Amino acid sequence: MKFNKTFKAIKVLIIDRLIGTLIGTAVGDAIGLPHEGLSRRRAMRLFPGVLRHRFLFGHGMVSDDTEHTFLVAQTLLDESDDVERFSRKLAWRLRWWFARLPAGVGMATAKACLRLWCGFSPKRSGVFSAGNGPAMRATIFGVVIDDVEKRHAFVKASTQMTHTDPKALTGAMAVADLAGWITQHDPQTLPPTEEIIDLLLGMEPQDEIWRDLVEQMRHAWENNLPVLEFADQLGLQKGVSGYVYHTVPMAIYAWYRHFGDFQKTLESVIECGGDTDTVAAIAGALAGATVGTTGGESGIPQDWIDGICDAPINVTLLRNTATRLAELVEKGTSQGPVRYGWPLSIPRNLLFLLVVLGHGFRRLMPPY
């Protein structure tokens, strides 16, 4: 009986972590999307008041940040043991995702997908870029794979498929390992700063730029620096760029600065401007994994969850994916990927593009 209770507790914990991670990614992505590319001042003028869904008539849609996280989750359900097979199956999914003409694809990812279609292997399809693509889809590795060496192998396979700059791998590893730490430690209160610093410094100890960024995080946390001021310290007054050494430190800093408070975490990173959907998606994934200890989505504002109106990747699909991943983690066997209406992606992507163009025209008009 005691064993059964323990097993049930583990089962609830893993499901909560996974639901929190996947829903947190989607919420951060959808809430941050309308603010993408705007300066702090312009965003405040265009979107005054409380942070809410503003993409399409008070509702939100997800972008490639959530889509890539979902693709990785599906591929893990397909293959979670052999990294070579995982790599081939993720490459196959990326090819067809790209063929459905998603809007707003990063340049490095677009080039890599074209190279995959041209017959390049997943190990040779990546381009030299330190963009944030690999980091935005890395959190799920940390929650699903507890073995660090195995996790790193999978993260590396995912990263090199699109980005070959070592910085892209360092950023993705940092996100995945931090998610793994959250899952294994079940933190109820703010963890010691040094514990997180040691984890981050272990990513790439020979990279002086990364070490300097981590030390800046340490100093800022010790001085309780607001997220906006930390962004200023990194020279990001005009907004967080798509450079992985801007995106990942900002997301991690906000996660720790507002530990256990999903809403404040997202508000603080979106306030910084720039690549808000990706920074908020990563921060939302980490914060979602953290608040998962209290019941999956319970730490995420319900109106932010309910406001996501999208297809075929929606909240229900992400919950079902999380449940199936939890079975994989607990039992070591998988029922396979979740079936969903992927053909809907084509008309959906057309609608998404039209809405993005509408936002672009709106930005040409006042208030400036």
Foldseek 3Di string as FASTA:
>chain_A
DVVVVVLVLLLLLLLLLLLLQLLLLFLQLFQLVLQAPAALVQCCFVDPDDRAGDLPPRFTAGAVLNVLLQLLLQLCLVPVDDLQSSLQSSLVVLLVVVVLPFPPDDPLSNQLSVQVVVPDGLQPSEDADQFQVLQSNQQVLLSQDLDLVSSLSNSVSSDNSRHDHVNNSLLSSLLSVLSNCCSVVLDPDQDDLVVSLVSSCVSCVVDPLSNVLSVLLSVCVVVLPQLLVSCVVVVLNRAQERRSSRLRSSLVSLCNSPPLQLSSSLVRRSSRGHRRSSSSSSSSSSNSSNNSSVPRCVNPPPSSQVRHDAPDDHSVQSSVSSSQSSCCRSVVHGPHGDDTDVVVSNVRSVVSVVSVVVSVVVSVDDDD
